[in-house]
């Protein structure tokens, strides 16, 4: 039995009732302002690509009769969902990246009782 280790004591379990969350100052200093601007520029580029690519795909499915199949209806549904995501969620992420405050203080759509 040289390959087995016998454990006589159970390892100490940390207290799971305390939740470890980083403070706002730790979150704000996680990225420098230059890194936040670079990430925001990349996301803005992704928003533009989302709009162009999905719009072209929806346009081609609508106006090219050979592409009007049942499978492409599902593809058009995915394109529409991606457009909605690009227009309604990504701009809020960019605005929170560029601000110096936490996202709870920047996003105006969060109700007051949740801030």
PDB file of N, CA and C in Angstrom:
ATOM      1  N   UNK A   1       0.813  -1.189   0.000  1.00  0.00           N
ATOM      2  CA  UNK A   1       0.000   0.000   0.000  1.00  0.00           C
ATOM      3  C   UNK A   1       0.857   1.252   0.000  1.00  0.00           C
ATOM      4  N   UNK A   2       1.896   1.243  -0.729  1.00  0.00           N
ATOM      5  CA  UNK A   2       2.781   2.410  -0.741  1.00  0.00           C
ATOM      6  C   UNK A   2       2.232   3.537  -1.604  1.00  0.00           C
ATOM      7  N   UNK A   3       1.301   3.276  -2.491  1.00  0.00           N
ATOM      8  CA  UNK A   3       0.752   4.297  -3.368  1.00  0.00           C
ATOM      9  C   UNK A   3      -0.451   5.027  -2.803  1.00  0.00           C
ATOM     10  N   UNK A   4      -0.958   4.615  -1.642  1.00  0.00           N
ATOM     11  CA  UNK A   4      -2.145   5.236  -1.069  1.00  0.00           C
ATOM     12  C   UNK A   4      -1.783   6.059   0.150  1.00  0.00           C
ATOM     13  N   UNK A   5      -2.522   7.150   0.350  1.00  0.00           N
ATOM     14  CA  UNK A   5      -2.325   7.998   1.510  1.00  0.00           C
ATOM     15  C   UNK A   5      -3.591   7.953   2.334  1.00  0.00           C
ATOM     16  N   UNK A   6      -3.438   7.717   3.616  1.00  0.00           N
ATOM     17  CA  UNK A   6      -4.575   7.653   4.513  1.00  0.00           C
ATOM     18  C   UNK A   6      -4.757   9.013   5.173  1.00  0.00           C
ATOM     19  N   UNK A   7      -5.937   9.604   4.980  1.00  0.00           N
ATOM     20  CA  UNK A   7      -6.222  10.913   5.573  1.00  0.00           C
ATOM     21  C   UNK A   7      -7.031  10.670   6.837  1.00  0.00           C
ATOM     22  N   UNK A   8      -6.490  11.165   7.952  1.00  0.00           N
ATOM     23  CA  UNK A   8      -7.180  10.948   9.221  1.00  0.00           C
ATOM     24  C   UNK A   8      -8.051  12.129   9.616  1.00  0.00           C
ATOM     25  N   UNK A   9      -7.750  13.332   9.110  1.00  0.00           N
ATOM     26  CA  UNK A   9      -8.537  14.514   9.459  1.00  0.00           C
ATOM     27  C   UNK A   9      -9.138  15.117   8.195  1.00  0.00           C
ATOM     28  N   UNK A  10     -10.334  15.647   8.340  1.00  0.00           N
ATOM     29  CA  UNK A  10     -10.968  16.334   7.214  1.00  0.00           C
ATOM     30  C   UNK A  10     -10.353  17.726   7.088  1.00  0.00           C
ATOM     31  N   UNK A  11     -10.173  18.212   5.859  1.00  0.00           N
ATOM     32  CA  UNK A  11      -9.612  19.559   5.707  1.00  0.00           C
ATOM     33  C   UNK A  11     -10.588  20.609   6.230  1.00  0.00           C
ATOM     34  N   UNK A  12     -10.036  21.719   6.673  1.00  0.00           N
ATOM     35  CA  UNK A  12     -10.864  22.794   7.211  1.00  0.00           C
ATOM     36  C   UNK A  12     -11.707  23.398   6.097  1.00  0.00           C
ATOM     37  N   UNK A  13     -12.994  23.579   6.355  1.00  0.00           N
ATOM     38  CA  UNK A  13     -13.915  24.159   5.386  1.00  0.00           C
ATOM     39  C   UNK A  13     -14.114  25.625   5.744  1.00  0.00           C
ATOM     40  N   UNK A  14     -13.909  26.521   4.771  1.00  0.00           N
ATOM     41  CA  UNK A  14     -14.123  27.934   5.101  1.00  0.00           C
ATOM     42  C   UNK A  14     -15.594  28.230   5.362  1.00  0.00           C
ATOM     43  N   UNK A  15     -15.829  29.317   6.071  1.00  0.00           N
ATOM     44  CA  UNK A  15     -17.188  29.742   6.378  1.00  0.00           C
ATOM     45  C   UNK A  15     -17.856  30.175   5.082  1.00  0.00           C
ATOM     46  N   UNK A  16     -18.899  29.471   4.667  1.00  0.00           N
ATOM     47  CA  UNK A  16     -19.546  29.755   3.385  1.00  0.00           C
ATOM     48  C   UNK A  16     -20.644  30.797   3.492  1.00  0.00           C
ATOM     49  N   UNK A  17     -20.926  31.280   4.703  1.00  0.00           N
ATOM     50  CA  UNK A  17     -21.968  32.291   4.838  1.00  0.00           C
ATOM     51  C   UNK A  17     -21.467  33.675   4.450  1.00  0.00           C
ATOM     52  N   UNK A  18     -20.162  33.895   4.478  1.00  0.00           N
ATOM     53  CA  UNK A  18     -19.613  35.188   4.094  1.00  0.00           C
ATOM     54  C   UNK A  18     -19.318  35.190   2.604  1.00  0.00           C
ATOM     55  N   UNK A  19     -19.826  36.183   1.908  1.00  0.00           N
ATOM     56  CA  UNK A  19     -19.611  36.289   0.473  1.00  0.00           C
ATOM     57  C   UNK A  19     -18.478  37.273   0.235  1.00  0.00           C
ATOM     58  N   UNK A  20     -17.482  36.826  -0.482  1.00  0.00           N
ATOM     59  CA  UNK A  20     -16.330  37.677  -0.779  1.00  0.00           C
ATOM     60  C   UNK A  20     -16.585  38.409  -2.091  1.00  0.00           C
ATOM     61  N   UNK A  21     -16.820  39.697  -2.032  1.00  0.00           N
ATOM     62  CA  UNK A  21     -17.015  40.495  -3.235  1.00  0.00           C
ATOM     63  C   UNK A  21     -15.987  41.610  -3.249  1.00  0.00           C
ATOM     64  N   UNK A  22     -15.458  41.932  -4.421  1.00  0.00           N
ATOM     65  CA  UNK A  22     -14.495  43.028  -4.484  1.00  0.00           C
ATOM     66  C   UNK A  22     -15.175  44.370  -4.267  1.00  0.00           C
ATOM     67  N   UNK A  23     -14.455  45.269  -3.668  1.00  0.00           N
ATOM     68  CA  UNK A  23     -15.017  46.596  -3.445  1.00  0.00           C
ATOM     69  C   UNK A  23     -15.034  47.374  -4.755  1.00  0.00           C
ATOM     70  N   UNK A  24     -15.716  48.520  -4.752  1.00  0.00           N
ATOM     71  CA  UNK A  24     -15.822  49.310  -5.980  1.00  0.00           C
ATOM     72  C   UNK A  24     -14.461  49.856  -6.402  1.00  0.00           C
ATOM     73  N   UNK A  25     -13.600  50.167  -5.439  1.00  0.00           N
ATOM     74  CA  UNK A  25     -12.280  50.683  -5.808  1.00  0.00           C
ATOM     75  C   UNK A  25     -11.440  49.605  -6.470  1.00  0.00           C
ATOM     76  N   UNK A  26     -11.600  48.354  -6.027  1.00  0.00           N
ATOM     77  CA  UNK A  26     -10.880  47.268  -6.690  1.00  0.00           C
ATOM     78  C   UNK A  26     -11.372  47.063  -8.109  1.00  0.00           C
ATOM     79  N   UNK A  27     -12.685  47.199  -8.329  1.00  0.00           N
ATOM     80  CA  UNK A  27     -13.224  47.040  -9.673  1.00  0.00           C
ATOM     81  C   UNK A  27     -12.800  48.183 -10.587  1.00  0.00           C
ATOM     82  N   UNK A  28     -12.739  49.400 -10.049  1.00  0.00           N
ATOM     83  CA  UNK A  28     -12.386  50.543 -10.876  1.00  0.00           C
ATOM     84  C   UNK A  28     -10.920  50.521 -11.268  1.00  0.00           C
ATOM     85  N   UNK A  29     -10.070  49.964 -10.427  1.00  0.00           N
ATOM     86  CA  UNK A  29      -8.645  49.937 -10.743  1.00  0.00           C
ATOM     87  C   UNK A  29      -8.237  48.658 -11.457  1.00  0.00           C
ATOM     88  N   UNK A  30      -9.190  47.804 -11.777  1.00  0.00           N
ATOM     89  CA  UNK A  30      -8.853  46.555 -12.444  1.00  0.00           C
ATOM     90  C   UNK A  30      -8.303  46.808 -13.841  1.00  0.00           C
ATOM     91  N   UNK A  31      -8.896  47.734 -14.575  1.00  0.00           N
ATOM     92  CA  UNK A  31      -8.411  48.114 -15.892  1.00  0.00           C
ATOM     93  C   UNK A  31      -8.017  49.585 -15.861  1.00  0.00           C
ATOM     94  N   UNK A  32      -6.950  49.909 -16.569  1.00  0.00           N
ATOM     95  CA  UNK A  32      -6.567  51.309 -16.678  1.00  0.00           C
ATOM     96  C   UNK A  32      -7.494  51.997 -17.682  1.00  0.00           C
ATOM     97  N   UNK A  33      -7.439  53.318 -17.701  1.00  0.00           N
ATOM     98  CA  UNK A  33      -8.325  54.046 -18.614  1.00  0.00           C
ATOM     99  C   UNK A  33      -7.974  53.751 -20.068  1.00  0.00           C
ATOM    100  N   UNK A  34      -6.711  53.541 -20.369  1.00  0.00           N
ATOM    101  CA  UNK A  34      -6.310  53.209 -21.744  1.00  0.00           C
ATOM    102  C   UNK A  34      -6.878  51.860 -22.159  1.00  0.00           C
ATOM    103  N   UNK A  35      -6.825  50.891 -21.262  1.00  0.00           N
ATOM    104  CA  UNK A  35      -7.368  49.571 -21.583  1.00  0.00           C
ATOM    105  C   UNK A  35      -8.882  49.632 -21.771  1.00  0.00           C
ATOM    106  N   UNK A  36      -9.564  50.444 -20.957  1.00  0.00           N
ATOM    107  CA  UNK A  36     -11.012  50.571 -21.108  1.00  0.00           C
ATOM    108  C   UNK A  36     -11.379  51.210 -22.439  1.00  0.00           C
ATOM    109  N   UNK A  37     -10.600  52.212 -22.880  1.00  0.00           N
ATOM    110  CA  UNK A  37     -10.883  52.863 -24.168  1.00  0.00           C
ATOM    111  C   UNK A  37     -10.649  51.884 -25.315  1.00  0.00           C
ATOM    112  N   UNK A  38      -9.587  51.098 -25.227  1.00  0.00           N
ATOM    113  CA  UNK A  38      -9.296  50.113 -26.279  1.00  0.00           C
ATOM    114  C   UNK A  38     -10.412  49.064 -26.350  1.00  0.00           C
ATOM    115  N   UNK A  39     -10.857  48.572 -25.186  1.00  0.00           N
ATOM    116  CA  UNK A  39     -11.944  47.584 -25.185  1.00  0.00           C
ATOM    117  C   UNK A  39     -13.240  48.197 -25.710  1.00  0.00           C
ATOM    118  N   UNK A  40     -13.489  49.462 -25.386  1.00  0.00           N
ATOM    119  CA  UNK A  40     -14.701  50.123 -25.890  1.00  0.00           C
ATOM    120  C   UNK A  40     -14.635  50.288 -27.401  1.00  0.00           C
ATOM    121  N   UNK A  41     -13.462  50.620 -27.924  1.00  0.00           N
ATOM    122  CA  UNK A  41     -13.315  50.755 -29.383  1.00  0.00           C
ATOM    123  C   UNK A  41     -13.536  49.412 -30.080  1.00  0.00           C
ATOM    124  N   UNK A  42     -13.032  48.344 -29.490  1.00  0.00           N
ATOM    125  CA  UNK A  42     -13.249  47.013 -30.067  1.00  0.00           C
ATOM    126  C   UNK A  42     -14.737  46.671 -30.050  1.00  0.00           C
ATOM    127  N   UNK A  43     -15.421  47.001 -28.951  1.00  0.00           N
ATOM    128  CA  UNK A  43     -16.858  46.721 -28.883  1.00  0.00           C
ATOM    129  C   UNK A  43     -17.648  47.573 -29.863  1.00  0.00           C
ATOM    130  N   UNK A  44     -17.253  48.824 -30.052  1.00  0.00           N
ATOM    131  CA  UNK A  44     -17.928  49.672 -31.044  1.00  0.00           C
ATOM    132  C   UNK A  44     -17.749  49.089 -32.437  1.00  0.00           C
ATOM    133  N   UNK A  45     -16.548  48.594 -32.731  1.00  0.00           N
ATOM    134  CA  UNK A  45     -16.302  47.935 -34.014  1.00  0.00           C
ATOM    135  C   UNK A  45     -17.184  46.693 -34.146  1.00  0.00           C
ATOM    136  N   UNK A  46     -17.367  45.938 -33.060  1.00  0.00           N
ATOM    137  CA  UNK A  46     -18.241  44.754 -33.092  1.00  0.00           C
ATOM    138  C   UNK A  46     -19.698  45.146 -33.308  1.00  0.00           C
ATOM    139  N   UNK A  47     -20.125  46.270 -32.730  1.00  0.00           N
ATOM    140  CA  UNK A  47     -21.487  46.741 -32.946  1.00  0.00           C
ATOM    141  C   UNK A  47     -21.703  47.074 -34.418  1.00  0.00           C
ATOM    142  N   UNK A  48     -20.729  47.737 -35.029  1.00  0.00           N
ATOM    143  CA  UNK A  48     -20.835  48.094 -36.446  1.00  0.00           C
ATOM    144  C   UNK A  48     -20.872  46.837 -37.311  1.00  0.00           C
ATOM    145  N   UNK A  49     -19.994  45.875 -37.005  1.00  0.00           N
ATOM    146  CA  UNK A  49     -20.000  44.617 -37.758  1.00  0.00           C
ATOM    147  C   UNK A  49     -21.306  43.851 -37.563  1.00  0.00           C
ATOM    148  N   UNK A  50     -21.854  43.903 -36.362  1.00  0.00           N
ATOM    149  CA  UNK A  50     -23.142  43.248 -36.091  1.00  0.00           C
ATOM    150  C   UNK A  50     -24.235  43.847 -36.965  1.00  0.00           C
ATOM    151  N   UNK A  51     -24.271  45.164 -37.023  1.00  0.00           N
ATOM    152  CA  UNK A  51     -25.295  45.821 -37.831  1.00  0.00           C
ATOM    153  C   UNK A  51     -25.127  45.497 -39.314  1.00  0.00           C
ATOM    154  N   UNK A  52     -23.914  45.630 -39.833  1.00  0.00           N
ATOM    155  CA  UNK A  52     -23.691  45.418 -41.270  1.00  0.00           C
ATOM    156  C   UNK A  52     -23.938  43.956 -41.659  1.00  0.00           C
ATOM    157  N   UNK A  53     -23.338  43.033 -40.922  1.00  0.00           N
ATOM    158  CA  UNK A  53     -23.449  41.617 -41.286  1.00  0.00           C
ATOM    159  C   UNK A  53     -24.863  41.080 -41.201  1.00  0.00           C
ATOM    160  N   UNK A  54     -25.537  41.381 -40.113  1.00  0.00           N
ATOM    161  CA  UNK A  54     -26.899  40.858 -39.956  1.00  0.00           C
ATOM    162  C   UNK A  54     -27.891  41.556 -40.880  1.00  0.00           C
ATOM    163  N   UNK A  55     -27.680  42.841 -41.139  1.00  0.00           N
ATOM    164  CA  UNK A  55     -28.563  43.536 -42.084  1.00  0.00           C
ATOM    165  C   UNK A  55     -28.410  42.972 -43.492  1.00  0.00           C
ATOM    166  N   UNK A  56     -27.178  42.708 -43.896  1.00  0.00           N
ATOM    167  CA  UNK A  56     -26.963  42.118 -45.221  1.00  0.00           C
ATOM    168  C   UNK A  56     -27.583  40.728 -45.321  1.00  0.00           C
ATOM    169  N   UNK A  57     -27.469  39.969 -44.248  1.00  0.00           N
ATOM    170  CA  UNK A  57     -28.038  38.622 -44.273  1.00  0.00           C
ATOM    171  C   UNK A  57     -29.565  38.672 -44.352  1.00  0.00           C
ATOM    172  N   UNK A  58     -30.189  39.543 -43.568  1.00  0.00           N
ATOM    173  CA  UNK A  58     -31.643  39.682 -43.632  1.00  0.00           C
ATOM    174  C   UNK A  58     -32.098  40.213 -44.988  1.00  0.00           C
ATOM    175  N   UNK A  59     -31.351  41.159 -45.535  1.00  0.00           N
ATOM    176  CA  UNK A  59     -31.690  41.708 -46.853  1.00  0.00           C
ATOM    177  C   UNK A  59     -31.607  40.629 -47.923  1.00  0.00           C
ATOM    178  N   UNK A  60     -30.535  39.812 -47.880  1.00  0.00           N
ATOM    179  CA  UNK A  60     -30.379  38.781 -48.907  1.00  0.00           C
ATOM    180  C   UNK A  60     -31.459  37.700 -48.796  1.00  0.00           C
ATOM    181  N   UNK A  61     -31.846  37.356 -47.575  1.00  0.00           N
ATOM    182  CA  UNK A  61     -32.910  36.355 -47.427  1.00  0.00           C
ATOM    183  C   UNK A  61     -34.242  36.912 -47.929  1.00  0.00           C
ATOM    184  N   UNK A  62     -34.471  38.197 -47.732  1.00  0.00           N
ATOM    185  CA  UNK A  62     -35.742  38.793 -48.142  1.00  0.00           C
ATOM    186  C   UNK A  62     -35.837  38.956 -49.658  1.00  0.00           C
ATOM    187  N   UNK A  63     -34.755  39.351 -50.306  1.00  0.00           N
ATOM    188  CA  UNK A  63     -34.844  39.723 -51.719  1.00  0.00           C
ATOM    189  C   UNK A  63     -34.319  38.681 -52.701  1.00  0.00           C
ATOM    190  N   UNK A  64     -33.677  37.628 -52.252  1.00  0.00           N
ATOM    191  CA  UNK A  64     -33.208  36.571 -53.158  1.00  0.00           C
ATOM    192  C   UNK A  64     -34.135  35.367 -52.976  1.00  0.00           C
ATOM    193  N   UNK A  65     -34.934  35.044 -53.992  1.00  0.00           N
ATOM    194  CA  UNK A  65     -35.917  33.958 -53.844  1.00  0.00           C
ATOM    195  C   UNK A  65     -35.286  32.599 -53.573  1.00  0.00           C
ATOM    196  N   UNK A  66     -34.099  32.355 -54.063  1.00  0.00           N
ATOM    197  CA  UNK A  66     -33.463  31.055 -53.828  1.00  0.00           C
ATOM    198  C   UNK A  66     -33.107  30.849 -52.353  1.00  0.00           C
ATOM    199  N   UNK A  67     -32.972  31.931 -51.595  1.00  0.00           N
ATOM    200  CA  UNK A  67     -32.624  31.825 -50.176  1.00  0.00           C
ATOM    201  C   UNK A  67     -33.837  31.760 -49.262  1.00  0.00           C
ATOM    202  N   UNK A  68     -35.024  31.806 -49.819  1.00  0.00           N
ATOM    203  CA  UNK A  68     -36.231  31.795 -48.999  1.00  0.00           C
ATOM    204  C   UNK A  68     -36.674  30.360 -48.733  1.00  0.00           C
ATOM    205  N   UNK A  69     -35.912  29.695 -47.855  1.00  0.00           N
ATOM    206  CA  UNK A  69     -36.215  28.315 -47.473  1.00  0.00           C
ATOM    207  C   UNK A  69     -36.553  28.279 -45.986  1.00  0.00           C
ATOM    208  N   UNK A  70     -37.009  27.117 -45.551  1.00  0.00           N
ATOM    209  CA  UNK A  70     -37.376  26.963 -44.140  1.00  0.00           C
ATOM    210  C   UNK A  70     -36.148  27.120 -43.248  1.00  0.00           C
ATOM    211  N   UNK A  71     -35.026  26.567 -43.677  1.00  0.00           N
ATOM    212  CA  UNK A  71     -33.798  26.679 -42.874  1.00  0.00           C
ATOM    213  C   UNK A  71     -33.357  28.130 -42.733  1.00  0.00           C
ATOM    214  N   UNK A  72     -33.517  28.908 -43.785  1.00  0.00           N
ATOM    215  CA  UNK A  72     -33.097  30.303 -43.720  1.00  0.00           C
ATOM    216  C   UNK A  72     -34.044  31.168 -42.894  1.00  0.00           C
ATOM    217  N   UNK A  73     -35.263  30.687 -42.650  1.00  0.00           N
ATOM    218  CA  UNK A  73     -36.147  31.396 -41.726  1.00  0.00           C
ATOM    219  C   UNK A  73     -35.549  31.356 -40.321  1.00  0.00           C
ATOM    220  N   UNK A  74     -35.001  30.213 -39.941  1.00  0.00           N
ATOM    221  CA  UNK A  74     -34.342  30.115 -38.643  1.00  0.00           C
ATOM    222  C   UNK A  74     -33.091  30.987 -38.605  1.00  0.00           C
ATOM    223  N   UNK A  75     -32.367  31.035 -39.694  1.00  0.00           N
ATOM    224  CA  UNK A  75     -31.190  31.885 -39.777  1.00  0.00           C
ATOM    225  C   UNK A  75     -31.571  33.362 -39.678  1.00  0.00           C
ATOM    226  N   UNK A  76     -32.677  33.733 -40.300  1.00  0.00           N
ATOM    227  CA  UNK A  76     -33.150  35.117 -40.203  1.00  0.00           C
ATOM    228  C   UNK A  76     -33.564  35.445 -38.771  1.00  0.00           C
ATOM    229  N   UNK A  77     -34.136  34.489 -38.074  1.00  0.00           N
ATOM    230  CA  UNK A  77     -34.502  34.690 -36.676  1.00  0.00           C
ATOM    231  C   UNK A  77     -33.253  34.924 -35.818  1.00  0.00           C
ATOM    232  N   UNK A  78     -32.207  34.165 -36.070  1.00  0.00           N
ATOM    233  CA  UNK A  78     -30.944  34.371 -35.350  1.00  0.00           C
ATOM    234  C   UNK A  78     -30.338  35.731 -35.671  1.00  0.00           C
ATOM    235  N   UNK A  79     -30.416  36.139 -36.921  1.00  0.00           N
ATOM    236  CA  UNK A  79     -29.894  37.454 -37.312  1.00  0.00           C
ATOM    237  C   UNK A  79     -30.654  38.575 -36.618  1.00  0.00           C
ATOM    238  N   UNK A  80     -31.952  38.433 -36.530  1.00  0.00           N
ATOM    239  CA  UNK A  80     -32.763  39.452 -35.863  1.00  0.00           C
ATOM    240  C   UNK A  80     -32.447  39.508 -34.365  1.00  0.00           C
ATOM    241  N   UNK A  81     -32.284  38.360 -33.749  1.00  0.00           N
ATOM    242  CA  UNK A  81     -31.923  38.337 -32.328  1.00  0.00           C
ATOM    243  C   UNK A  81     -30.550  38.956 -32.101  1.00  0.00           C
ATOM    244  N   UNK A  82     -29.629  38.714 -33.006  1.00  0.00           N
ATOM    245  CA  UNK A  82     -28.292  39.301 -32.899  1.00  0.00           C
ATOM    246  C   UNK A  82     -28.336  40.810 -33.094  1.00  0.00           C
ATOM    247  N   UNK A  83     -29.178  41.282 -33.995  1.00  0.00           N
ATOM    248  CA  UNK A  83     -29.344  42.732 -34.170  1.00  0.00           C
ATOM    249  C   UNK A  83     -29.907  43.384 -32.911  1.00  0.00           C
ATOM    250  N   UNK A  84     -30.886  42.754 -32.308  1.00  0.00           N
ATOM    251  CA  UNK A  84     -31.462  43.287 -31.077  1.00  0.00           C
ATOM    252  C   UNK A  84     -30.407  43.331 -29.973  1.00  0.00           C
ATOM    253  N   UNK A  85     -29.615  42.289 -29.876  1.00  0.00           N
ATOM    254  CA  UNK A  85     -28.536  42.265 -28.896  1.00  0.00           C
ATOM    255  C   UNK A  85     -27.527  43.377 -29.162  1.00  0.00           C
ATOM    256  N   UNK A  86     -27.178  43.576 -30.416  1.00  0.00           N
ATOM    257  CA  UNK A  86     -26.206  44.598 -30.764  1.00  0.00           C
ATOM    258  C   UNK A  86     -26.686  46.010 -30.512  1.00  0.00           C
ATOM    259  N   UNK A  87     -27.987  46.228 -30.622  1.00  0.00           N
ATOM    260  CA  UNK A  87     -28.508  47.581 -30.441  1.00  0.00           C
ATOM    261  C   UNK A  87     -28.948  47.891 -29.017  1.00  0.00           C
ATOM    262  N   UNK A  88     -29.354  46.877 -28.264  1.00  0.00           N
ATOM    263  CA  UNK A  88     -29.925  47.161 -26.956  1.00  0.00           C
ATOM    264  C   UNK A  88     -29.046  46.771 -25.775  1.00  0.00           C
ATOM    265  N   UNK A  89     -28.016  45.972 -25.971  1.00  0.00           N
ATOM    266  CA  UNK A  89     -27.154  45.631 -24.834  1.00  0.00           C
ATOM    267  C   UNK A  89     -25.735  46.143 -24.989  1.00  0.00           C
ATOM    268  N   UNK A  90     -25.175  46.030 -26.173  1.00  0.00           N
ATOM    269  CA  UNK A  90     -23.777  46.423 -26.355  1.00  0.00           C
ATOM    270  C   UNK A  90     -23.509  47.910 -26.104  1.00  0.00           C
ATOM    271  N   UNK A  91     -24.380  48.832 -26.496  1.00  0.00           N
ATOM    272  CA  UNK A  91     -24.092  50.243 -26.181  1.00  0.00           C
ATOM    273  C   UNK A  91     -24.032  50.534 -24.676  1.00  0.00           C
ATOM    274  N   UNK A  92     -24.826  49.823 -23.873  1.00  0.00           N
ATOM    275  CA  UNK A  92     -24.759  50.023 -22.428  1.00  0.00           C
ATOM    276  C   UNK A  92     -23.438  49.506 -21.864  1.00  0.00           C
ATOM    277  N   UNK A  93     -22.946  48.424 -22.423  1.00  0.00           N
ATOM    278  CA  UNK A  93     -21.664  47.893 -21.971  1.00  0.00           C
ATOM    279  C   UNK A  93     -20.544  48.876 -22.315  1.00  0.00           C
ATOM    280  N   UNK A  94     -20.599  49.466 -23.500  1.00  0.00           N
ATOM    281  CA  UNK A  94     -19.594  50.451 -23.894  1.00  0.00           C
ATOM    282  C   UNK A  94     -19.658  51.667 -22.979  1.00  0.00           C
ATOM    283  N   UNK A  95     -20.864  52.136 -22.656  1.00  0.00           N
ATOM    284  CA  UNK A  95     -20.979  53.315 -21.796  1.00  0.00           C
ATOM    285  C   UNK A  95     -20.466  53.039 -20.389  1.00  0.00           C
ATOM    286  N   UNK A  96     -20.678  51.842 -19.882  1.00  0.00           N
ATOM    287  CA  UNK A  96     -20.161  51.533 -18.551  1.00  0.00           C
ATOM    288  C   UNK A  96     -18.650  51.349 -18.561  1.00  0.00           C
ATOM    289  N   UNK A  97     -18.088  50.904 -19.682  1.00  0.00           N
ATOM    290  CA  UNK A  97     -16.633  50.789 -19.774  1.00  0.00           C
ATOM    291  C   UNK A  97     -15.957  52.147 -19.794  1.00  0.00           C
ATOM    292  N   UNK A  98     -16.574  53.089 -20.467  1.00  0.00           N
ATOM    293  CA  UNK A  98     -15.953  54.401 -20.610  1.00  0.00           C
ATOM    294  C   UNK A  98     -16.144  55.293 -19.388  1.00  0.00           C
ATOM    295  N   UNK A  99     -17.080  54.972 -18.532  1.00  0.00           N
ATOM    296  CA  UNK A  99     -17.300  55.803 -17.349  1.00  0.00           C
ATOM    297  C   UNK A  99     -16.377  55.343 -16.223  1.00  0.00           C
ATOM    298  N   UNK A 100     -16.153  56.222 -15.281  1.00  0.00           N
ATOM    299  CA  UNK A 100     -15.316  55.887 -14.138  1.00  0.00           C
ATOM    300  C   UNK A 100     -16.122  55.333 -12.977  1.00  0.00           C
ATOM    301  N   UNK A 101     -17.419  55.260 -13.133  1.00  0.00           N
ATOM    302  CA  UNK A 101     -18.269  54.782 -12.058  1.00  0.00           C
ATOM    303  C   UNK A 101     -18.641  53.327 -12.284  1.00  0.00           C
ATOM    304  N   UNK A 102     -19.218  52.728 -11.261  1.00  0.00           N
ATOM    305  CA  UNK A 102     -19.666  51.355 -11.406  1.00  0.00           C
ATOM    306  C   UNK A 102     -20.894  51.319 -12.326  1.00  0.00           C
ATOM    307  N   UNK A 103     -21.172  50.184 -12.964  1.00  0.00           N
ATOM    308  CA  UNK A 103     -22.310  50.119 -13.889  1.00  0.00           C
ATOM    309  C   UNK A 103     -23.647  50.428 -13.232  1.00  0.00           C
ATOM    310  N   UNK A 104     -23.802  50.152 -11.932  1.00  0.00           N
ATOM    311  CA  UNK A 104     -25.070  50.442 -11.265  1.00  0.00           C
ATOM    312  C   UNK A 104     -25.353  51.939 -11.252  1.00  0.00           C
ATOM    313  N   UNK A 105     -24.311  52.765 -11.197  1.00  0.00           N
ATOM    314  CA  UNK A 105     -24.515  54.205 -11.148  1.00  0.00           C
ATOM    315  C   UNK A 105     -24.668  54.805 -12.539  1.00  0.00           C
ATOM    316  N   UNK A 106     -24.235  54.093 -13.572  1.00  0.00           N
ATOM    317  CA  UNK A 106     -24.262  54.628 -14.926  1.00  0.00           C
ATOM    318  C   UNK A 106     -25.550  54.270 -15.648  1.00  0.00           C
ATOM    319  N   UNK A 107     -26.010  53.058 -15.499  1.00  0.00           N
ATOM    320  CA  UNK A 107     -27.161  52.600 -16.267  1.00  0.00           C
ATOM    321  C   UNK A 107     -28.424  53.220 -15.716  1.00  0.00           C
ATOM    322  N   UNK A 108     -29.119  53.973 -16.530  1.00  0.00           N
ATOM    323  CA  UNK A 108     -30.310  54.667 -16.067  1.00  0.00           C
ATOM    324  C   UNK A 108     -31.537  53.774 -16.061  1.00  0.00           C
ATOM    325  N   UNK A 109     -31.445  52.594 -16.658  1.00  0.00           N
ATOM    326  CA  UNK A 109     -32.600  51.697 -16.721  1.00  0.00           C
ATOM    327  C   UNK A 109     -32.752  50.840 -15.482  1.00  0.00           C
ATOM    328  N   UNK A 110     -31.771  50.863 -14.568  1.00  0.00           N
ATOM    329  CA  UNK A 110     -31.881  50.089 -13.349  1.00  0.00           C
ATOM    330  C   UNK A 110     -32.761  50.855 -12.368  1.00  0.00           C
ATOM    331  N   UNK A 111     -33.790  50.224 -11.818  1.00  0.00           N
ATOM    332  CA  UNK A 111     -34.658  50.936 -10.869  1.00  0.00           C
ATOM    333  C   UNK A 111     -33.880  51.405  -9.647  1.00  0.00           C
ATOM    334  N   UNK A 112     -34.381  52.461  -9.013  1.00  0.00           N
ATOM    335  CA  UNK A 112     -33.702  53.057  -7.867  1.00  0.00           C
ATOM    336  C   UNK A 112     -33.536  52.074  -6.717  1.00  0.00           C
ATOM    337  N   UNK A 113     -34.495  51.198  -6.478  1.00  0.00           N
ATOM    338  CA  UNK A 113     -34.388  50.295  -5.333  1.00  0.00           C
ATOM    339  C   UNK A 113     -33.340  49.202  -5.535  1.00  0.00           C
ATOM    340  N   UNK A 114     -32.852  49.020  -6.762  1.00  0.00           N
ATOM    341  CA  UNK A 114     -31.805  48.022  -7.019  1.00  0.00           C
ATOM    342  C   UNK A 114     -30.414  48.621  -7.013  1.00  0.00           C
ATOM    343  N   UNK A 115     -30.304  49.942  -6.967  1.00  0.00           N
ATOM    344  CA  UNK A 115     -28.981  50.570  -7.012  1.00  0.00           C
ATOM    345  C   UNK A 115     -28.315  50.565  -5.663  1.00  0.00           C
TER     346      UNK A 115
END
